[in-house]
Amino acid sequence: MSRSGWLYLFGSPDMPPLLFVPGIGDTMAGVQTALAILAALFCREREGVGQFIDTSALGSMVTAASSATMYRLIYGVEYPRRGRNDVTNPLVNTYECQDGKWIYLAMMQSERYWSDFCEVVGVQKNDPNFLDAEARRRNHEALISTLDGIFMTKPREAWLKILEEKGNFIFGPVQTFSEMIDDPQVLENAYVMDYDHPSHGRTKTVGFPSKFSKTPASIRKPPPEHGQHTEEILLESDYTWDEIGRLKDLKIIL
């Protein structure tokens, strides 16, 4: 992940590189490998060609950061690191609410949403400092400060309800993982689900992100214990029990 540019990407310019979610490189490499396998199977069915495929964590993360990579390739400079007070479109930013929880606005087309947004949150839409996208860009720090004060007047749930009921806005809560695993949409779609583990009993785990109408995905077995299938795999590879026993005696296998 560090080689792909991701660690450099986040944080304000005066901050050191931030630690990121562990395992994301492995996850992205797994996703890209699965896509490559599907593409190769499709090619085999259509063209009758079998082939080796090769993916890597580095290549997968470079692809995942393609927007920032293309920014560097096209403009010749690094994708800018920005703190939240440096965001030139304040309608794409995070804001803390009265209860200490955060909300995220994601309205890239600020002109489209500005008038309705002002009416809902109580900003003077005719303020010459914020009158159009260019004025808001020039005066982004002042507008962010204004919105900071406004969002601090109500708890997050109140703001989510207001924005949902009174406008066609793009926004969402900045959730912790503790909040995410109880999110109604997460639960309804079984993105987090229960299953019966033979050792730990009823256990929660990450579910499946995709749905199949005819062949629904399910958890059939728990993850294997360390060395659980060693003997089975060696027997399938034509090792005898005597040979497996010698490997155990030499501590080559468990």
Foldseek 3Di string as FASTA:
>chain_A
DVVLCVQVQEDAPVDHRDDDDPPPLVVLQVVVVVVVVVVQVVCCVVPVDHDDDDTGSNNSSNVVCVVQVVCCVPVVDGDHYHDQLLDLQVQQGWEAAQVRWIKGGDDPQCVVCVVQVCVLQPNDCCPPCNVDSVSCSVVVNVVNVVVNVSRHVHHPVVVVVSDVPRDDGDMGTPDDVVVVVVPPVCVVVPQWDWDQAPVPGIDIDGDDPDADPPDGDDDDYDPDDVQNCVVVVVVVVVDDPVRVVVCVVVVVGD
